[in-house]
Amino acid sequence: MVYTDKRPIISITMGDPAGIGPEICVGCFGNAEVFENVRPVLIGDEELLKRAMRLKKCNDKINFVKDPKEGKYELGTIDFLPVSCEAGRNFTYGEPSTDAAIWAYHFFEKSIELGKNGQVDAICTAPINKEMMKKAGFAQTNHTSILKHFFPEIVSTSMFHCRELKVFHYTRHMSLRNALDAINVPGLVKSLHSVQNVMQSIGYENPRIALAAVNPHASDNGLFGSEEKDYLKPAVEQCRKEGINVVGPIPADAVFYQQKKGLYDCVLSLYHDQALIACKTYDFEKTVSLTFGYPFVRSTVDHGTAYDIAGKNIVNSDNMDSAVLTAAYYCKKRNELNQK
């Protein structure tokens, strides 16, 4: 097969060594479609890679590289950039450990270095364990906070991509009670501006944004709560005066379907599960989390370490494949816009 040099270079991190990360990474390198669209380089540990390859009965060649430009990037070869780490190897499939968390941090740290230096166009991450990251002593316990640590001056925005759906979050990792308490007009206005900026950065000149409601039927004029009247409607009105093409609040039981049918270009949801139930039910394997604002595109699978099935060779790499291919799609969009 003849490949084009226009394929973006994407670094793929192994994630938590005790989880399914190494397995899904090896599986991803067996996908011909990935190589048609991407030059993938795996970031991790040699012993972990070989263990996962044995598990997956993978006979690909390993091409060790010190720089992504040294990759062969062809099906049947895993271009691999090994990372060194002083942590122990006290990890077993399915058993969380601080050693595994330390290794996972170093894998991601190396990818960030490559992205910062312009050596890769995107970073795609396998899952890590936030609890173990905290126990290992890291102040930043997830990929998003680690990125903010290395790029403190950048205000980033996350988006979930699932087929036609493009969904943003007003709040994410907090309790529903705290998420509701966090709703206010200035915060919503700021989020809607961020949504517009991201959508314009991927080619939507005047994106049609829908703001999801909090309460059933968007509260039916106050019958089921006051958030729509007190916060959501005023935020929409202010943003429309500022030139943002936003409508809402739209009842959450309809807004995602309407976006899927093309009425809107994206949705701003108010809390974590409001968006992710819609995306994952529509197509779990195609739901990908992206982060915009950095010099590179960042994507990740939208599932966890899955310790219960790690090391059993029963997991597929479909969601990892989607994460890599979605990152490639947005790299292409970015390049097209930069050439205009």
C-alpha atoms as a PDB file:
ATOM      1  CA  MET A   1       0.000   0.000   0.000  1.00  0.00           C
ATOM      2  CA  VAL A   2       1.245   3.473  -0.880  1.00  0.00           C
ATOM      3  CA  TYR A   3       0.760   6.061   1.847  1.00  0.00           C
ATOM      4  CA  THR A   4       0.691   9.832   1.557  1.00  0.00           C
ATOM      5  CA  ASP A   5       3.173  12.005   3.426  1.00  0.00           C
ATOM      6  CA  LYS A   6       0.270  14.291   4.350  1.00  0.00           C
ATOM      7  CA  ARG A   7      -0.785  11.849   7.067  1.00  0.00           C
ATOM      8  CA  PRO A   8      -0.469  13.536  10.475  1.00  0.00           C
ATOM      9  CA  ILE A   9       1.987  12.105  12.993  1.00  0.00           C
ATOM     10  CA  ILE A  10       0.090  11.061  16.112  1.00  0.00           C
ATOM     11  CA  SER A  11       1.708   9.841  19.313  1.00  0.00           C
ATOM     12  CA  ILE A  12      -0.280   7.175  21.163  1.00  0.00           C
ATOM     13  CA  THR A  13       0.361   6.679  24.877  1.00  0.00           C
ATOM     14  CA  MET A  14      -0.047   3.257  26.503  1.00  0.00           C
ATOM     15  CA  GLY A  15      -1.923   4.547  29.550  1.00  0.00           C
ATOM     16  CA  ASP A  16      -2.088   2.555  32.785  1.00  0.00           C
ATOM     17  CA  PRO A  17       0.055  -0.595  32.363  1.00  0.00           C
ATOM     18  CA  ALA A  18      -2.320  -2.624  34.542  1.00  0.00           C
ATOM     19  CA  GLY A  19      -5.344  -1.744  32.434  1.00  0.00           C
ATOM     20  CA  ILE A  20      -6.390  -2.406  28.857  1.00  0.00           C
ATOM     21  CA  GLY A  21      -4.268   0.439  27.444  1.00  0.00           C
ATOM     22  CA  PRO A  22      -1.363  -1.670  26.115  1.00  0.00           C
ATOM     23  CA  GLU A  23      -3.808  -4.152  24.533  1.00  0.00           C
ATOM     24  CA  ILE A  24      -5.886  -1.563  22.702  1.00  0.00           C
ATOM     25  CA  CYS A  25      -2.745   0.205  21.522  1.00  0.00           C
ATOM     26  CA  VAL A  26      -1.418  -2.981  19.939  1.00  0.00           C
ATOM     27  CA  GLY A  27      -4.848  -3.618  18.430  1.00  0.00           C
ATOM     28  CA  CYS A  28      -4.916  -0.139  16.936  1.00  0.00           C
ATOM     29  CA  PHE A  29      -1.652  -0.800  15.090  1.00  0.00           C
ATOM     30  CA  GLY A  30      -3.342  -3.721  13.333  1.00  0.00           C
ATOM     31  CA  ASN A  31      -5.969  -1.480  11.719  1.00  0.00           C
ATOM     32  CA  ALA A  32      -5.238  -0.712   8.062  1.00  0.00           C
ATOM     33  CA  GLU A  33      -7.525   2.337   8.120  1.00  0.00           C
ATOM     34  CA  VAL A  34      -5.353   3.895  10.819  1.00  0.00           C
ATOM     35  CA  PHE A  35      -2.293   3.682   8.587  1.00  0.00           C
ATOM     36  CA  GLU A  36      -4.195   5.048   5.601  1.00  0.00           C
ATOM     37  CA  ASN A  37      -4.843   8.244   7.563  1.00  0.00           C
ATOM     38  CA  VAL A  38      -2.180   8.458  10.260  1.00  0.00           C
ATOM     39  CA  ARG A  39       1.511   8.046  10.993  1.00  0.00           C
ATOM     40  CA  PRO A  40       1.168   6.545  14.495  1.00  0.00           C
ATOM     41  CA  VAL A  41       4.037   6.308  16.950  1.00  0.00           C
ATOM     42  CA  LEU A  42       3.556   4.415  20.203  1.00  0.00           C
ATOM     43  CA  ILE A  43       4.931   5.872  23.452  1.00  0.00           C
ATOM     44  CA  GLY A  44       5.512   3.427  26.284  1.00  0.00           C
ATOM     45  CA  ASP A  45       7.702   0.698  27.739  1.00  0.00           C
ATOM     46  CA  GLU A  46       9.318  -2.097  25.753  1.00  0.00           C
ATOM     47  CA  GLU A  47       8.473  -4.849  28.236  1.00  0.00           C
ATOM     48  CA  LEU A  48       4.844  -3.750  28.352  1.00  0.00           C
ATOM     49  CA  LEU A  49       4.655  -3.631  24.581  1.00  0.00           C
ATOM     50  CA  LYS A  50       6.074  -7.122  24.139  1.00  0.00           C
ATOM     51  CA  ARG A  51       3.763  -8.474  26.843  1.00  0.00           C
ATOM     52  CA  ALA A  52       0.732  -6.989  25.073  1.00  0.00           C
ATOM     53  CA  MET A  53       1.938  -8.303  21.711  1.00  0.00           C
ATOM     54  CA  ARG A  54       2.226 -11.814  23.108  1.00  0.00           C
ATOM     55  CA  LEU A  55      -1.249 -11.522  24.565  1.00  0.00           C
ATOM     56  CA  LYS A  56      -2.690 -10.315  21.255  1.00  0.00           C
ATOM     57  CA  LYS A  57      -0.603 -12.817  19.257  1.00  0.00           C
ATOM     58  CA  CYS A  58       0.770  -9.887  17.303  1.00  0.00           C
ATOM     59  CA  ASN A  59       3.804 -10.595  15.092  1.00  0.00           C
ATOM     60  CA  ASP A  60       4.401  -7.033  13.922  1.00  0.00           C
ATOM     61  CA  LYS A  61       7.954  -5.764  13.750  1.00  0.00           C
ATOM     62  CA  ILE A  62       9.004  -3.201  16.351  1.00  0.00           C
ATOM     63  CA  ASN A  63      10.859  -0.217  14.926  1.00  0.00           C
ATOM     64  CA  PHE A  64      12.560   1.583  17.798  1.00  0.00           C
ATOM     65  CA  VAL A  65      12.816   5.337  17.254  1.00  0.00           C
ATOM     66  CA  LYS A  66      14.244   8.281  19.176  1.00  0.00           C
ATOM     67  CA  ASP A  67      12.341  10.809  17.097  1.00  0.00           C
ATOM     68  CA  PRO A  68       8.966  10.364  15.340  1.00  0.00           C
ATOM     69  CA  LYS A  69      10.567  11.377  12.034  1.00  0.00           C
ATOM     70  CA  GLU A  70      12.423   8.025  12.104  1.00  0.00           C
ATOM     71  CA  GLY A  71       9.207   6.023  11.818  1.00  0.00           C
ATOM     72  CA  LYS A  72       8.412   3.694   8.924  1.00  0.00           C
ATOM     73  CA  TYR A  73       4.640   4.138   9.401  1.00  0.00           C
ATOM     74  CA  GLU A  74       3.438   1.096   7.546  1.00  0.00           C
ATOM     75  CA  LEU A  75       1.041  -1.690   8.444  1.00  0.00           C
ATOM     76  CA  GLY A  76       2.925  -4.582  10.047  1.00  0.00           C
ATOM     77  CA  THR A  77       5.352  -2.332  11.902  1.00  0.00           C
ATOM     78  CA  ILE A  78       4.931  -0.688  15.297  1.00  0.00           C
ATOM     79  CA  ASP A  79       7.019   2.471  15.404  1.00  0.00           C
ATOM     80  CA  PHE A  80       7.906   2.663  19.069  1.00  0.00           C
ATOM     81  CA  LEU A  81       9.499   5.373  21.182  1.00  0.00           C
ATOM     82  CA  PRO A  82      10.452   3.853  24.555  1.00  0.00           C
ATOM     83  CA  VAL A  83      10.273   5.863  27.768  1.00  0.00           C
ATOM     84  CA  SER A  84      12.536   5.296  30.766  1.00  0.00           C
ATOM     85  CA  CYS A  85      11.260   5.523  34.319  1.00  0.00           C
ATOM     86  CA  GLU A  86      12.750   4.899  37.762  1.00  0.00           C
ATOM     87  CA  ALA A  87       9.500   3.482  39.146  1.00  0.00           C
ATOM     88  CA  GLY A  88       9.283  -0.202  39.911  1.00  0.00           C
ATOM     89  CA  ARG A  89       7.381  -2.717  37.863  1.00  0.00           C
ATOM     90  CA  ASN A  90       4.940  -3.645  40.584  1.00  0.00           C
ATOM     91  CA  PHE A  91       1.991  -4.012  38.276  1.00  0.00           C
ATOM     92  CA  THR A  92      -0.133  -6.902  37.094  1.00  0.00           C
ATOM     93  CA  TYR A  93      -3.041  -6.851  34.677  1.00  0.00           C
ATOM     94  CA  GLY A  94      -6.159  -5.867  36.577  1.00  0.00           C
ATOM     95  CA  GLU A  95      -4.401  -4.681  39.759  1.00  0.00           C
ATOM     96  CA  PRO A  96      -4.136  -0.899  40.253  1.00  0.00           C
ATOM     97  CA  SER A  97      -0.810   0.350  41.622  1.00  0.00           C
ATOM     98  CA  THR A  98       1.122   3.558  42.115  1.00  0.00           C
ATOM     99  CA  ASP A  99       3.975   2.144  40.020  1.00  0.00           C
ATOM    100  CA  ALA A 100       1.608   1.773  37.090  1.00  0.00           C
ATOM    101  CA  ALA A 101       0.398   5.350  37.588  1.00  0.00           C
ATOM    102  CA  ILE A 102       3.954   6.693  37.558  1.00  0.00           C
ATOM    103  CA  TRP A 103       4.739   4.901  34.307  1.00  0.00           C
ATOM    104  CA  ALA A 104       1.513   6.207  32.757  1.00  0.00           C
ATOM    105  CA  TYR A 105       2.424   9.765  33.757  1.00  0.00           C
ATOM    106  CA  HIS A 106       5.838   9.472  32.100  1.00  0.00           C
ATOM    107  CA  PHE A 107       4.298   8.143  28.885  1.00  0.00           C
ATOM    108  CA  PHE A 108       2.027  11.172  28.679  1.00  0.00           C
ATOM    109  CA  GLU A 109       4.771  13.565  29.699  1.00  0.00           C
ATOM    110  CA  LYS A 110       6.912  12.350  26.786  1.00  0.00           C
ATOM    111  CA  SER A 111       4.034  12.856  24.350  1.00  0.00           C
ATOM    112  CA  ILE A 112       3.540  16.402  25.635  1.00  0.00           C
ATOM    113  CA  GLU A 113       7.238  17.074  25.053  1.00  0.00           C
ATOM    114  CA  LEU A 114       6.901  15.840  21.471  1.00  0.00           C
ATOM    115  CA  GLY A 115       3.820  17.994  20.932  1.00  0.00           C
ATOM    116  CA  LYS A 116       5.463  21.051  22.443  1.00  0.00           C
ATOM    117  CA  ASN A 117       8.449  20.633  20.120  1.00  0.00           C
ATOM    118  CA  GLY A 118       6.258  20.240  17.045  1.00  0.00           C
ATOM    119  CA  GLN A 119       7.341  16.636  16.492  1.00  0.00           C
ATOM    120  CA  VAL A 120       3.776  15.300  16.463  1.00  0.00           C
ATOM    121  CA  ASP A 121       0.517  16.762  15.189  1.00  0.00           C
ATOM    122  CA  ALA A 122      -1.698  15.126  17.798  1.00  0.00           C
ATOM    123  CA  ILE A 123      -1.613  13.135  21.020  1.00  0.00           C
ATOM    124  CA  CYS A 124      -3.980  10.225  21.623  1.00  0.00           C
ATOM    125  CA  THR A 125      -4.126   8.768  25.118  1.00  0.00           C
ATOM    126  CA  ALA A 126      -5.115   5.417  26.557  1.00  0.00           C
ATOM    127  CA  PRO A 127      -6.873   5.564  29.960  1.00  0.00           C
ATOM    128  CA  ILE A 128      -5.183   6.217  33.304  1.00  0.00           C
ATOM    129  CA  ASN A 129      -6.339   5.767  36.901  1.00  0.00           C
ATOM    130  CA  LYS A 130      -6.996   9.075  38.694  1.00  0.00           C
ATOM    131  CA  GLU A 131      -7.068   7.497  42.153  1.00  0.00           C
ATOM    132  CA  MET A 132      -3.680   5.846  41.661  1.00  0.00           C
ATOM    133  CA  MET A 133      -2.234   9.049  40.217  1.00  0.00           C
ATOM    134  CA  LYS A 134      -3.222  10.829  43.428  1.00  0.00           C
ATOM    135  CA  LYS A 135      -1.795   8.060  45.615  1.00  0.00           C
ATOM    136  CA  ALA A 136       1.438   8.238  43.611  1.00  0.00           C
ATOM    137  CA  GLY A 137       1.795  11.856  44.686  1.00  0.00           C
ATOM    138  CA  PHE A 138       0.864  13.714  41.518  1.00  0.00           C
ATOM    139  CA  ALA A 139      -0.926  17.021  42.001  1.00  0.00           C
ATOM    140  CA  GLN A 140      -2.492  16.576  38.559  1.00  0.00           C
ATOM    141  CA  THR A 141      -4.414  13.318  38.372  1.00  0.00           C
ATOM    142  CA  ASN A 142      -5.942  13.351  34.878  1.00  0.00           C
ATOM    143  CA  HIS A 143      -4.823  14.139  31.357  1.00  0.00           C
ATOM    144  CA  THR A 144      -6.587  17.502  31.237  1.00  0.00           C
ATOM    145  CA  SER A 145      -5.014  18.819  34.439  1.00  0.00           C
ATOM    146  CA  ILE A 146      -1.586  17.530  33.416  1.00  0.00           C
ATOM    147  CA  LEU A 147      -1.861  19.459  30.163  1.00  0.00           C
ATOM    148  CA  LYS A 148      -2.831  22.597  32.085  1.00  0.00           C
ATOM    149  CA  HIS A 149       0.258  22.100  34.261  1.00  0.00           C
ATOM    150  CA  PHE A 150       2.532  22.091  31.219  1.00  0.00           C
ATOM    151  CA  PHE A 151       0.619  24.876  29.423  1.00  0.00           C
ATOM    152  CA  PRO A 152      -0.564  27.163  32.257  1.00  0.00           C
ATOM    153  CA  GLU A 153      -1.082  30.110  29.907  1.00  0.00           C
ATOM    154  CA  ILE A 154      -3.503  28.256  27.601  1.00  0.00           C
ATOM    155  CA  VAL A 155      -7.245  28.148  28.152  1.00  0.00           C
ATOM    156  CA  SER A 156      -8.365  24.874  26.594  1.00  0.00           C
ATOM    157  CA  THR A 157     -11.815  23.562  25.724  1.00  0.00           C
ATOM    158  CA  SER A 158     -12.968  19.943  25.608  1.00  0.00           C
ATOM    159  CA  MET A 159     -15.469  18.535  23.151  1.00  0.00           C
ATOM    160  CA  PHE A 160     -17.022  15.117  22.700  1.00  0.00           C
ATOM    161  CA  HIS A 161     -17.310  13.885  19.129  1.00  0.00           C
ATOM    162  CA  CYS A 162     -19.657  11.014  18.270  1.00  0.00           C
ATOM    163  CA  ARG A 163     -20.509  10.678  14.592  1.00  0.00           C
ATOM    164  CA  GLU A 164     -22.690  13.743  13.870  1.00  0.00           C
ATOM    165  CA  LEU A 165     -22.721  14.862  17.496  1.00  0.00           C
ATOM    166  CA  LYS A 166     -20.413  17.578  18.780  1.00  0.00           C
ATOM    167  CA  VAL A 167     -21.043  18.152  22.465  1.00  0.00           C
ATOM    168  CA  PHE A 168     -19.425  20.518  24.970  1.00  0.00           C
ATOM    169  CA  HIS A 169     -19.705  20.559  28.767  1.00  0.00           C
ATOM    170  CA  TYR A 170     -20.396  23.472  31.069  1.00  0.00           C
ATOM    171  CA  THR A 171     -19.338  21.278  34.029  1.00  0.00           C
ATOM    172  CA  ARG A 172     -17.813  17.813  33.993  1.00  0.00           C
ATOM    173  CA  HIS A 173     -16.260  15.974  36.894  1.00  0.00           C
ATOM    174  CA  MET A 174     -18.360  17.115  39.836  1.00  0.00           C
ATOM    175  CA  SER A 175     -21.467  15.905  41.595  1.00  0.00           C
ATOM    176  CA  LEU A 176     -24.810  16.781  40.072  1.00  0.00           C
ATOM    177  CA  ARG A 177     -25.640  18.928  43.115  1.00  0.00           C
ATOM    178  CA  ASN A 178     -22.412  20.917  42.708  1.00  0.00           C
ATOM    179  CA  ALA A 179     -22.924  21.163  38.946  1.00  0.00           C
ATOM    180  CA  LEU A 180     -26.336  22.739  39.453  1.00  0.00           C
ATOM    181  CA  ASP A 181     -24.919  25.137  42.026  1.00  0.00           C
ATOM    182  CA  ALA A 182     -22.203  26.147  39.535  1.00  0.00           C
ATOM    183  CA  ILE A 183     -24.674  27.446  36.954  1.00  0.00           C
ATOM    184  CA  ASN A 184     -24.564  31.225  36.591  1.00  0.00           C
ATOM    185  CA  VAL A 185     -24.898  33.753  33.788  1.00  0.00           C
ATOM    186  CA  PRO A 186     -21.242  34.886  33.541  1.00  0.00           C
ATOM    187  CA  GLY A 187     -20.054  31.267  33.508  1.00  0.00           C
ATOM    188  CA  LEU A 188     -22.500  30.273  30.798  1.00  0.00           C
ATOM    189  CA  VAL A 189     -21.586  33.294  28.675  1.00  0.00           C
ATOM    190  CA  LYS A 190     -17.896  32.410  29.001  1.00  0.00           C
ATOM    191  CA  SER A 191     -18.566  28.790  28.034  1.00  0.00           C
ATOM    192  CA  LEU A 192     -20.640  29.775  25.009  1.00  0.00           C
ATOM    193  CA  HIS A 193     -17.838  32.047  23.800  1.00  0.00           C
ATOM    194  CA  SER A 194     -15.398  29.137  24.181  1.00  0.00           C
ATOM    195  CA  VAL A 195     -17.723  26.858  22.215  1.00  0.00           C
ATOM    196  CA  GLN A 196     -17.950  29.390  19.401  1.00  0.00           C
ATOM    197  CA  ASN A 197     -14.156  29.798  19.324  1.00  0.00           C
ATOM    198  CA  VAL A 198     -13.595  26.045  19.029  1.00  0.00           C
ATOM    199  CA  MET A 199     -16.256  25.610  16.359  1.00  0.00           C
ATOM    200  CA  GLN A 200     -14.777  28.467  14.324  1.00  0.00           C
ATOM    201  CA  SER A 201     -11.316  26.906  14.708  1.00  0.00           C
ATOM    202  CA  ILE A 202     -12.601  23.729  13.019  1.00  0.00           C
ATOM    203  CA  GLY A 203     -14.287  25.491  10.127  1.00  0.00           C
ATOM    204  CA  TYR A 204     -17.718  26.704  11.269  1.00  0.00           C
ATOM    205  CA  GLU A 205     -17.818  30.418  10.452  1.00  0.00           C
ATOM    206  CA  ASN A 206     -21.104  31.074  12.291  1.00  0.00           C
ATOM    207  CA  PRO A 207     -21.826  27.892  14.273  1.00  0.00           C
ATOM    208  CA  ARG A 208     -25.384  27.127  15.329  1.00  0.00           C
ATOM    209  CA  ILE A 209     -25.110  26.408  19.045  1.00  0.00           C
ATOM    210  CA  ALA A 210     -27.849  24.861  21.180  1.00  0.00           C
ATOM    211  CA  LEU A 211     -27.849  25.260  24.962  1.00  0.00           C
ATOM    212  CA  ALA A 212     -29.360  22.240  26.699  1.00  0.00           C
ATOM    213  CA  ALA A 213     -31.910  22.827  29.449  1.00  0.00           C
ATOM    214  CA  VAL A 214     -31.454  21.525  32.992  1.00  0.00           C
ATOM    215  CA  ASN A 215     -35.015  20.684  33.958  1.00  0.00           C
ATOM    216  CA  PRO A 216     -37.667  18.522  32.250  1.00  0.00           C
ATOM    217  CA  HIS A 217     -39.385  20.363  29.391  1.00  0.00           C
ATOM    218  CA  ALA A 218     -36.961  23.265  30.012  1.00  0.00           C
ATOM    219  CA  SER A 219     -38.946  23.767  33.267  1.00  0.00           C
ATOM    220  CA  ASP A 220     -42.289  24.522  31.529  1.00  0.00           C
ATOM    221  CA  ASN A 221     -42.022  28.191  32.445  1.00  0.00           C
ATOM    222  CA  GLY A 222     -41.045  27.546  36.040  1.00  0.00           C
ATOM    223  CA  LEU A 223     -43.134  24.493  36.898  1.00  0.00           C
ATOM    224  CA  PHE A 224     -40.036  22.318  37.376  1.00  0.00           C
ATOM    225  CA  GLY A 225     -37.325  24.703  38.523  1.00  0.00           C
ATOM    226  CA  SER A 226     -36.002  28.185  37.907  1.00  0.00           C
ATOM    227  CA  GLU A 227     -32.556  27.626  36.348  1.00  0.00           C
ATOM    228  CA  GLU A 228     -33.835  28.257  32.814  1.00  0.00           C
ATOM    229  CA  LYS A 229     -35.464  31.574  33.737  1.00  0.00           C
ATOM    230  CA  ASP A 230     -32.747  32.766  36.117  1.00  0.00           C
ATOM    231  CA  TYR A 231     -29.591  31.756  34.252  1.00  0.00           C
ATOM    232  CA  LEU A 232     -29.954  29.970  30.922  1.00  0.00           C
ATOM    233  CA  LYS A 233     -32.282  32.360  29.106  1.00  0.00           C
ATOM    234  CA  PRO A 234     -30.392  35.503  30.228  1.00  0.00           C
ATOM    235  CA  ALA A 235     -27.097  33.940  29.116  1.00  0.00           C
ATOM    236  CA  VAL A 236     -28.538  33.096  25.690  1.00  0.00           C
ATOM    237  CA  GLU A 237     -29.938  36.611  25.296  1.00  0.00           C
ATOM    238  CA  GLN A 238     -26.622  38.213  26.230  1.00  0.00           C
ATOM    239  CA  CYS A 239     -24.639  35.986  23.847  1.00  0.00           C
ATOM    240  CA  ARG A 240     -27.024  36.658  20.977  1.00  0.00           C
ATOM    241  CA  LYS A 241     -26.503  40.397  21.511  1.00  0.00           C
ATOM    242  CA  GLU A 242     -22.756  39.710  21.319  1.00  0.00           C
ATOM    243  CA  GLY A 243     -23.115  37.974  17.958  1.00  0.00           C
ATOM    244  CA  ILE A 244     -23.154  34.326  19.004  1.00  0.00           C
ATOM    245  CA  ASN A 245     -25.677  32.208  17.108  1.00  0.00           C
ATOM    246  CA  VAL A 246     -27.071  30.342  20.123  1.00  0.00           C
ATOM    247  CA  VAL A 247     -30.586  29.145  20.898  1.00  0.00           C
ATOM    248  CA  GLY A 248     -32.117  27.635  23.994  1.00  0.00           C
ATOM    249  CA  PRO A 249     -32.531  26.376  26.494  1.00  0.00           C
ATOM    250  CA  ILE A 250     -33.701  23.314  24.539  1.00  0.00           C
ATOM    251  CA  PRO A 251     -35.105  20.318  26.501  1.00  0.00           C
ATOM    252  CA  ALA A 252     -32.293  17.835  26.968  1.00  0.00           C
ATOM    253  CA  ASP A 253     -34.437  14.884  25.891  1.00  0.00           C
ATOM    254  CA  ALA A 254     -34.668  16.383  22.397  1.00  0.00           C
ATOM    255  CA  VAL A 255     -31.621  18.589  21.811  1.00  0.00           C
ATOM    256  CA  PHE A 256     -29.127  15.834  20.973  1.00  0.00           C
ATOM    257  CA  TYR A 257     -31.481  14.224  18.475  1.00  0.00           C
ATOM    258  CA  GLN A 258     -32.060  17.622  16.900  1.00  0.00           C
ATOM    259  CA  GLN A 259     -28.325  18.194  16.586  1.00  0.00           C
ATOM    260  CA  LYS A 260     -27.941  14.729  15.065  1.00  0.00           C
ATOM    261  CA  LYS A 261     -30.579  15.672  12.467  1.00  0.00           C
ATOM    262  CA  GLY A 262     -28.705  18.858  11.567  1.00  0.00           C
ATOM    263  CA  LEU A 263     -30.715  21.586  13.296  1.00  0.00           C
ATOM    264  CA  TYR A 264     -27.626  22.673  15.248  1.00  0.00           C
ATOM    265  CA  ASP A 265     -23.884  22.279  14.773  1.00  0.00           C
ATOM    266  CA  CYS A 266     -23.182  21.533  18.425  1.00  0.00           C
ATOM    267  CA  VAL A 267     -24.670  21.409  21.911  1.00  0.00           C
ATOM    268  CA  LEU A 268     -23.496  22.901  25.199  1.00  0.00           C
ATOM    269  CA  SER A 269     -24.627  20.512  27.933  1.00  0.00           C
ATOM    270  CA  LEU A 270     -24.793  21.483  31.583  1.00  0.00           C
ATOM    271  CA  TYR A 271     -23.263  18.456  33.303  1.00  0.00           C
ATOM    272  CA  HIS A 272     -21.306  15.286  32.636  1.00  0.00           C
ATOM    273  CA  ASP A 273     -23.949  12.583  32.209  1.00  0.00           C
ATOM    274  CA  GLN A 274     -26.383  14.807  30.348  1.00  0.00           C
ATOM    275  CA  ALA A 275     -24.038  14.715  27.387  1.00  0.00           C
ATOM    276  CA  LEU A 276     -22.346  11.371  27.740  1.00  0.00           C
ATOM    277  CA  ILE A 277     -25.485   9.281  28.102  1.00  0.00           C
ATOM    278  CA  ALA A 278     -26.569  10.676  24.733  1.00  0.00           C
ATOM    279  CA  CYS A 279     -23.207  10.116  23.036  1.00  0.00           C
ATOM    280  CA  LYS A 280     -22.426   6.693  24.453  1.00  0.00           C
ATOM    281  CA  THR A 281     -25.906   5.357  23.839  1.00  0.00           C
ATOM    282  CA  TYR A 282     -25.772   6.554  20.251  1.00  0.00           C
ATOM    283  CA  ASP A 283     -22.397   4.890  19.609  1.00  0.00           C
ATOM    284  CA  PHE A 284     -20.113   4.006  22.499  1.00  0.00           C
ATOM    285  CA  GLU A 285     -17.157   3.031  20.304  1.00  0.00           C
ATOM    286  CA  LYS A 286     -17.317   6.250  18.282  1.00  0.00           C
ATOM    287  CA  THR A 287     -17.464   8.587  21.290  1.00  0.00           C
ATOM    288  CA  VAL A 288     -14.151  10.424  21.528  1.00  0.00           C
ATOM    289  CA  SER A 289     -13.021  13.198  23.861  1.00  0.00           C
ATOM    290  CA  LEU A 290     -10.970  16.003  22.302  1.00  0.00           C
ATOM    291  CA  THR A 291      -9.176  18.991  23.780  1.00  0.00           C
ATOM    292  CA  PHE A 292      -8.605  22.123  21.704  1.00  0.00           C
ATOM    293  CA  GLY A 293      -6.374  25.132  22.288  1.00  0.00           C
ATOM    294  CA  TYR A 294      -2.937  23.497  22.341  1.00  0.00           C
ATOM    295  CA  PRO A 295      -0.337  23.474  19.540  1.00  0.00           C
ATOM    296  CA  PHE A 296      -1.488  19.910  18.843  1.00  0.00           C
ATOM    297  CA  VAL A 297      -4.828  18.118  18.772  1.00  0.00           C
ATOM    298  CA  ARG A 298      -5.449  15.928  21.797  1.00  0.00           C
ATOM    299  CA  SER A 299      -7.884  13.002  21.795  1.00  0.00           C
ATOM    300  CA  THR A 300      -8.617  10.120  24.106  1.00  0.00           C
ATOM    301  CA  VAL A 301     -10.785   7.066  24.399  1.00  0.00           C
ATOM    302  CA  ASP A 302     -13.983   7.597  26.333  1.00  0.00           C
ATOM    303  CA  HIS A 303     -13.700   4.625  28.654  1.00  0.00           C
ATOM    304  CA  GLY A 304     -11.641   3.694  31.671  1.00  0.00           C
ATOM    305  CA  THR A 305      -8.843   1.254  32.459  1.00  0.00           C
ATOM    306  CA  ALA A 306     -11.280  -1.718  32.551  1.00  0.00           C
ATOM    307  CA  TYR A 307      -9.194  -3.680  35.049  1.00  0.00           C
ATOM    308  CA  ASP A 308     -11.826  -6.428  35.150  1.00  0.00           C
ATOM    309  CA  ILE A 309     -11.051  -7.503  31.587  1.00  0.00           C
ATOM    310  CA  ALA A 310      -7.401  -6.396  31.303  1.00  0.00           C
ATOM    311  CA  GLY A 311      -5.000  -9.102  30.204  1.00  0.00           C
ATOM    312  CA  LYS A 312      -7.734 -11.480  29.048  1.00  0.00           C
ATOM    313  CA  ASN A 313      -7.496 -10.664  25.326  1.00  0.00           C
ATOM    314  CA  ILE A 314     -11.227 -10.035  25.078  1.00  0.00           C
ATOM    315  CA  VAL A 315     -11.178  -6.272  24.549  1.00  0.00           C
ATOM    316  CA  ASN A 316     -11.235  -4.698  21.092  1.00  0.00           C
ATOM    317  CA  SER A 317      -9.507  -1.497  20.063  1.00  0.00           C
ATOM    318  CA  ASP A 318     -12.504   0.095  18.334  1.00  0.00           C
ATOM    319  CA  ASN A 319     -12.692   3.135  20.615  1.00  0.00           C
ATOM    320  CA  MET A 320      -8.925   3.681  20.423  1.00  0.00           C
ATOM    321  CA  ASP A 321      -9.129   3.424  16.626  1.00  0.00           C
ATOM    322  CA  SER A 322     -11.878   6.062  16.689  1.00  0.00           C
ATOM    323  CA  ALA A 323      -9.823   8.328  18.946  1.00  0.00           C
ATOM    324  CA  VAL A 324      -6.834   8.177  16.593  1.00  0.00           C
ATOM    325  CA  LEU A 325      -8.878   8.627  13.421  1.00  0.00           C
ATOM    326  CA  THR A 326     -10.905  11.481  14.922  1.00  0.00           C
ATOM    327  CA  ALA A 327      -7.701  13.260  15.923  1.00  0.00           C
ATOM    328  CA  ALA A 328      -6.479  12.824  12.340  1.00  0.00           C
ATOM    329  CA  TYR A 329      -9.709  14.332  11.026  1.00  0.00           C
ATOM    330  CA  TYR A 330      -9.264  17.454  13.121  1.00  0.00           C
ATOM    331  CA  CYS A 331      -5.579  17.708  12.199  1.00  0.00           C
ATOM    332  CA  LYS A 332      -6.699  17.767   8.569  1.00  0.00           C
ATOM    333  CA  LYS A 333      -9.319  20.433   9.330  1.00  0.00           C
ATOM    334  CA  ARG A 334      -6.713  22.549  11.090  1.00  0.00           C
ATOM    335  CA  ASN A 335      -4.293  22.269   8.164  1.00  0.00           C
ATOM    336  CA  GLU A 336      -6.993  23.181   5.653  1.00  0.00           C
ATOM    337  CA  LEU A 337      -7.908  26.301   7.609  1.00  0.00           C
ATOM    338  CA  ASN A 338      -4.261  27.310   8.031  1.00  0.00           C
ATOM    339  CA  GLN A 339      -3.779  27.114   4.266  1.00  0.00           C
ATOM    340  CA  LYS A 340      -6.609  29.534   3.536  1.00  0.00           C
END
